[in-house]
Protein backbone atom coordinates (compact mmCIF):
# COMPACT_ATOMS: atom_id res chain seq x y z
CA UNK A 1 88.89 18.74 93.00
CA UNK A 2 90.20 19.40 96.50
CA UNK A 3 91.94 16.11 97.15
CA UNK A 4 92.93 17.25 100.65
CA UNK A 5 89.27 17.41 101.68
CA UNK A 6 88.42 14.50 103.97
CA UNK A 7 85.06 13.86 102.34
CA UNK A 8 86.67 13.77 98.90
CA UNK A 9 89.26 11.27 100.08
CA UNK A 10 86.52 8.94 101.30
CA UNK A 11 85.38 8.55 97.67
CA UNK A 12 88.65 6.80 96.90
CA UNK A 13 88.33 4.16 99.62
CA UNK A 14 85.94 2.03 97.54
CA UNK A 15 85.87 0.12 94.26
CA UNK A 16 82.97 -1.47 92.36
CA UNK A 17 82.72 -5.24 92.07
CA UNK A 18 81.26 -7.02 89.05
CA UNK A 19 80.83 -10.68 89.93
CA UNK A 20 80.37 -13.64 87.60
CA UNK A 21 79.18 -16.58 89.67
CA UNK A 22 79.90 -20.25 89.05
CA UNK A 23 76.29 -20.85 87.97
CA UNK A 24 76.56 -18.18 85.27
CA UNK A 25 74.60 -15.49 87.13
CA UNK A 26 76.03 -12.02 87.57
CA UNK A 27 75.83 -9.53 90.42
CA UNK A 28 77.41 -6.33 91.68
CA UNK A 29 78.78 -5.19 95.00
CA UNK A 30 81.10 -2.81 96.77
CA UNK A 31 84.57 -3.32 98.22
CA UNK A 32 86.87 -0.99 100.12
CA UNK A 33 90.50 -0.70 101.17
CA UNK A 34 91.54 -1.32 104.75
CA UNK A 35 95.14 -1.31 106.00
CA UNK A 36 96.59 -2.99 109.09
CA UNK A 37 100.09 -2.64 110.48
CA UNK A 38 102.47 -5.57 110.09
CA UNK A 39 104.76 -6.80 112.85
CA UNK A 40 107.61 -5.83 110.56
CA UNK A 41 108.79 -2.36 111.47
CA UNK A 42 107.20 0.34 109.32
CA UNK A 43 105.33 -2.16 107.15
CA UNK A 44 101.59 -2.19 106.48
CA UNK A 45 99.33 -4.71 104.75
CA UNK A 46 96.50 -3.38 102.55
CA UNK A 47 93.35 -5.46 102.13
CA UNK A 48 90.35 -5.32 99.83
CA UNK A 49 87.22 -5.99 101.90
CA UNK A 50 83.64 -6.92 101.00
CA UNK A 51 80.88 -9.24 102.22
CA UNK A 52 81.29 -12.99 102.09
CA UNK A 53 77.88 -13.37 100.43
CA UNK A 54 79.01 -11.13 97.56
CA UNK A 55 81.91 -13.38 96.52
CA UNK A 56 81.20 -16.82 98.02
CA UNK A 57 80.03 -18.33 94.69
CA UNK A 58 82.21 -16.16 92.46
CA UNK A 59 84.07 -17.64 89.52
CA UNK A 60 85.70 -14.34 88.70
CA UNK A 61 85.46 -10.73 89.86
CA UNK A 62 86.21 -7.51 88.03
CA UNK A 63 87.23 -4.30 89.80
CA UNK A 64 88.05 -0.83 88.49
CA UNK A 65 91.01 1.18 89.77
CA UNK A 66 92.29 4.68 88.98
CA UNK A 67 95.89 5.64 88.36
CA UNK A 68 97.38 8.69 90.02
CA UNK A 69 100.08 11.19 89.14
CA UNK A 70 101.87 13.42 91.67
CA UNK A 71 99.40 12.45 94.37
CA UNK A 72 96.33 13.32 92.30
CA UNK A 73 93.91 10.85 90.69
CA UNK A 74 93.69 10.82 86.90
CA UNK A 75 90.15 9.78 86.00
CA UNK A 76 91.21 9.17 82.40
CA UNK A 77 93.60 6.42 83.44
CA UNK A 78 91.38 3.55 84.53
CA UNK A 79 92.55 0.04 85.11
CA UNK A 80 90.25 -2.96 85.29
CA UNK A 81 91.59 -5.99 87.12
CA UNK A 82 90.21 -9.51 87.02
CA UNK A 83 90.37 -11.48 90.26
CA UNK A 84 89.70 -15.18 90.42
CA UNK A 85 86.99 -16.11 92.89
CA UNK A 86 89.24 -18.32 95.01
CA UNK A 87 91.60 -15.38 95.59
CA UNK A 88 88.83 -13.58 97.45
CA UNK A 89 87.52 -16.72 99.15
CA UNK A 90 90.67 -17.58 101.07
CA UNK A 91 90.01 -15.32 104.07
CA UNK A 92 86.34 -15.28 105.05
CA UNK A 93 84.37 -14.76 108.25
CA UNK A 94 81.06 -16.45 107.50
CA UNK A 95 79.46 -15.51 110.82
CA UNK A 96 80.00 -11.79 110.24
CA UNK A 97 79.63 -11.96 106.44
CA UNK A 98 83.15 -10.66 105.74
CA UNK A 99 85.72 -11.47 103.07
CA UNK A 100 89.22 -9.98 102.81
CA UNK A 101 91.94 -10.24 100.20
CA UNK A 102 95.54 -9.00 100.62
CA UNK A 103 95.94 -6.36 97.94
CA UNK A 104 99.69 -5.73 97.91
CA UNK A 105 100.40 -8.28 95.11
CA UNK A 106 98.12 -6.37 92.71
CA UNK A 107 99.59 -3.00 93.73
CA UNK A 108 103.09 -4.40 93.24
CA UNK A 109 102.24 -5.58 89.73
CA UNK A 110 101.22 -2.06 88.78
CA UNK A 111 104.27 -0.56 90.47
CA UNK A 112 106.54 -2.92 88.52
CA UNK A 113 104.89 -1.62 85.34
CA UNK A 114 105.57 1.96 86.52
CA UNK A 115 101.88 2.57 87.14
CA UNK A 116 100.68 3.97 90.44
CA UNK A 117 97.15 3.30 91.70
CA UNK A 118 95.44 6.17 93.50
CA UNK A 119 93.39 5.06 96.48
CA UNK A 120 92.75 5.91 100.09
CA UNK A 121 92.48 3.35 102.83
CA UNK A 122 90.52 2.98 106.04
CA UNK A 123 92.75 2.42 109.05
CA UNK A 124 92.00 0.73 112.39
CA UNK A 125 92.56 4.00 114.26
CA UNK A 126 89.14 5.27 113.18
CA UNK A 127 87.33 2.13 114.37
CA UNK A 128 85.61 3.40 117.54
CA UNK A 129 86.47 1.86 120.88
CA UNK A 130 83.76 0.43 123.11
CA UNK A 131 83.88 3.60 125.21
CA UNK A 132 83.39 5.82 122.16
CA UNK A 133 80.49 3.66 120.98
CA UNK A 134 78.82 3.77 124.38
CA UNK A 135 79.06 7.57 124.38
CA UNK A 136 77.25 7.87 121.03
CA UNK A 137 73.61 8.87 120.85
CA UNK A 138 70.89 6.41 119.95
CA UNK A 139 70.28 8.47 116.78
CA UNK A 140 73.41 9.33 114.83
CA UNK A 141 73.72 10.50 111.23
CA UNK A 142 75.56 7.99 109.04
CA UNK A 143 77.29 8.19 105.65
CA UNK A 144 77.98 5.21 103.41
CA UNK A 145 79.73 4.95 100.07
CA UNK A 146 79.23 2.40 97.32
CA UNK A 147 77.52 1.29 94.15
CA UNK A 148 73.77 0.71 94.73
CA UNK A 149 72.36 -1.50 91.98
CA UNK A 150 75.77 -1.15 90.32
CA UNK A 151 75.16 2.57 89.67
CA UNK A 152 78.14 4.94 89.72
CA UNK A 153 79.68 7.81 87.76
CA UNK A 154 81.60 5.67 85.27
CA UNK A 155 83.00 8.72 83.45
CA UNK A 156 84.77 9.83 86.62
CA UNK A 157 85.03 6.41 88.30
CA UNK A 158 83.26 7.85 91.33
CA UNK A 159 80.94 5.99 93.74
CA UNK A 160 77.72 7.33 95.19
CA UNK A 161 77.48 8.80 98.68
CA UNK A 162 74.32 8.16 100.68
CA UNK A 163 73.18 9.24 104.11
CA UNK A 164 70.80 8.07 106.80
CA UNK A 165 70.51 7.60 110.53
CA UNK A 166 71.02 4.74 112.94
CA UNK A 167 67.74 2.87 113.21
CA UNK A 168 68.96 0.82 116.15
CA UNK A 169 71.58 2.12 118.61
CA UNK A 170 75.15 1.31 117.71
CA UNK A 171 75.82 0.20 121.29
CA UNK A 172 73.20 -2.57 121.04
CA UNK A 173 73.66 -5.89 119.27
CA UNK A 174 70.54 -6.04 117.10
CA UNK A 175 68.69 -9.31 117.85
CA UNK A 176 71.82 -10.56 119.60
CA UNK A 177 74.01 -10.26 116.48
CA UNK A 178 77.07 -8.02 116.28
CA UNK A 179 75.31 -5.59 113.97
CA UNK A 180 72.93 -2.62 113.91
CA UNK A 181 70.37 -1.23 111.49
CA UNK A 182 70.39 2.04 109.58
CA UNK A 183 67.42 3.93 108.17
CA UNK A 184 68.66 4.72 104.66
CA UNK A 185 68.27 3.85 100.99
CA UNK A 186 70.16 0.56 100.96
CA UNK A 187 69.85 -1.48 97.77
CA UNK A 188 71.58 -4.54 96.29
CA UNK A 189 75.05 -3.49 95.16
CA UNK A 190 75.51 -1.53 98.38
CA UNK A 191 76.64 -4.74 100.07
CA UNK A 192 80.22 -4.22 101.21
CA UNK A 193 79.88 -0.45 101.55
CA UNK A 194 81.80 1.12 104.44
CA UNK A 195 79.61 3.07 106.87
CA UNK A 196 80.88 6.14 108.69
CA UNK A 197 79.85 8.73 111.20
CA UNK A 198 81.21 11.80 109.42
CA UNK A 199 80.48 15.15 111.04
CA UNK A 200 81.85 18.38 109.61
CA UNK A 201 82.12 21.59 111.60
CA UNK A 202 80.47 20.42 114.81
CA UNK A 203 78.80 17.45 116.45
CA UNK A 204 76.94 16.64 119.66
CA UNK A 205 78.57 14.77 122.56
CA UNK A 206 77.70 14.14 126.21
CA UNK A 207 79.52 17.37 127.00
CA UNK A 208 77.49 19.41 124.51
CA UNK A 209 78.38 20.69 121.04
CA UNK A 210 81.97 20.04 119.98
CA UNK A 211 83.50 22.18 117.25
CA UNK A 212 85.51 20.24 114.69
CA UNK A 213 85.29 17.25 112.38
CA UNK A 214 84.66 13.67 113.45
CA UNK A 215 85.20 10.54 111.36
CA UNK A 216 84.42 7.08 112.70
CA UNK A 217 84.35 3.87 110.68
CA UNK A 218 81.42 2.05 112.26
CA UNK A 219 80.57 -0.84 109.96
CA UNK A 220 79.98 -2.59 106.65
CA UNK A 221 76.60 -2.89 104.96
CA UNK A 222 75.65 -6.56 104.81
CA UNK A 223 72.00 -6.77 103.88
CA UNK A 224 69.10 -4.85 102.41
CA UNK A 225 66.02 -5.38 104.54
CA UNK A 226 63.14 -6.58 102.38
CA UNK A 227 59.54 -7.49 103.20
CA UNK A 228 58.02 -10.21 101.08
CA UNK A 229 54.41 -9.16 100.57
CA UNK A 230 53.40 -12.40 98.87
CA UNK A 231 53.13 -10.70 95.49
CA UNK A 232 55.42 -10.67 92.47
CA UNK A 233 57.81 -8.05 93.82
CA UNK A 234 59.38 -7.58 97.23
CA UNK A 235 59.20 -4.32 99.15
CA UNK A 236 62.38 -2.52 100.16
CA UNK A 237 61.94 -1.21 103.69
CA UNK A 238 64.59 1.51 103.50
CA UNK A 239 66.61 -0.30 106.15
CA UNK A 240 70.07 -1.83 106.01
CA UNK A 241 71.87 -4.30 108.24
CA UNK A 242 75.40 -3.19 109.15
CA UNK A 243 78.10 -5.48 110.55
CA UNK A 244 80.05 -3.64 113.24
CA UNK A 245 83.53 -2.53 112.21
CA UNK A 246 85.18 -4.03 115.28
CA UNK A 247 84.44 -7.48 113.80
CA UNK A 248 86.50 -6.58 110.74
CA UNK A 249 89.31 -5.15 112.87
CA UNK A 250 89.60 -8.39 114.87
CA UNK A 251 89.30 -10.55 111.74
CA UNK A 252 92.08 -8.75 109.89
CA UNK A 253 94.34 -8.76 112.93
CA UNK A 254 94.07 -12.57 112.94
CA UNK A 255 94.90 -12.69 109.23
CA UNK A 256 97.92 -10.41 109.69
CA UNK A 257 99.16 -12.64 112.52
CA UNK A 258 99.01 -15.61 110.10
CA UNK A 259 100.77 -13.72 107.32
CA UNK A 260 103.50 -12.38 109.57
CA UNK A 261 104.26 -15.87 110.84
């Protein structure tokens, strides 16, 4: 494993969610790590992020983490952590279907037990500005990472990587909402997956072909688009609704302002 590879590191930004709801039903989802700077000099605050609809009725949630040694993940050392539903329901943005939980207390518990969790975090610096978004093409290739239908490589604690294209332009608000659609295989369990524009080697811009690698965090999968055909089963349209990442950035900045005060 080349842990220095950017694509490889993206695998460690997510964790699977197994949710037991208050009514006894069970579901799965995806969460990811996002870190914002604190007002305290040199301090950062890590969050675990998913959709509000994934955890809004949760009684308890189970996640799986991986320990690391000398900066390298050890897939044999897995840690499952139980989170009470109300812990994840404290900071929610219902309008944008977002839920965030400060993750430092859990990391500190492991550190106090001399265990070190290996993970990588998404940072606000790769959330594209309005100018960057407006310069994007209407059709961009997208990459998202998660656990569709709860499927993942449990032996290696590794999520699945999927690809697609923007189905509606990122610079438009689809149907007036702060979201866009992607043409990709989005299934239940993918909710909460981070969505990226990840180009390796070269990519197209208004100035032509640029040589290099580009990574932009553009959103969070919120919904699988389904057509009810009036029969027993619904039809998956191969489309996913994605909440724009700038909504998360603003939401977490508000939370950090509360915490710092």
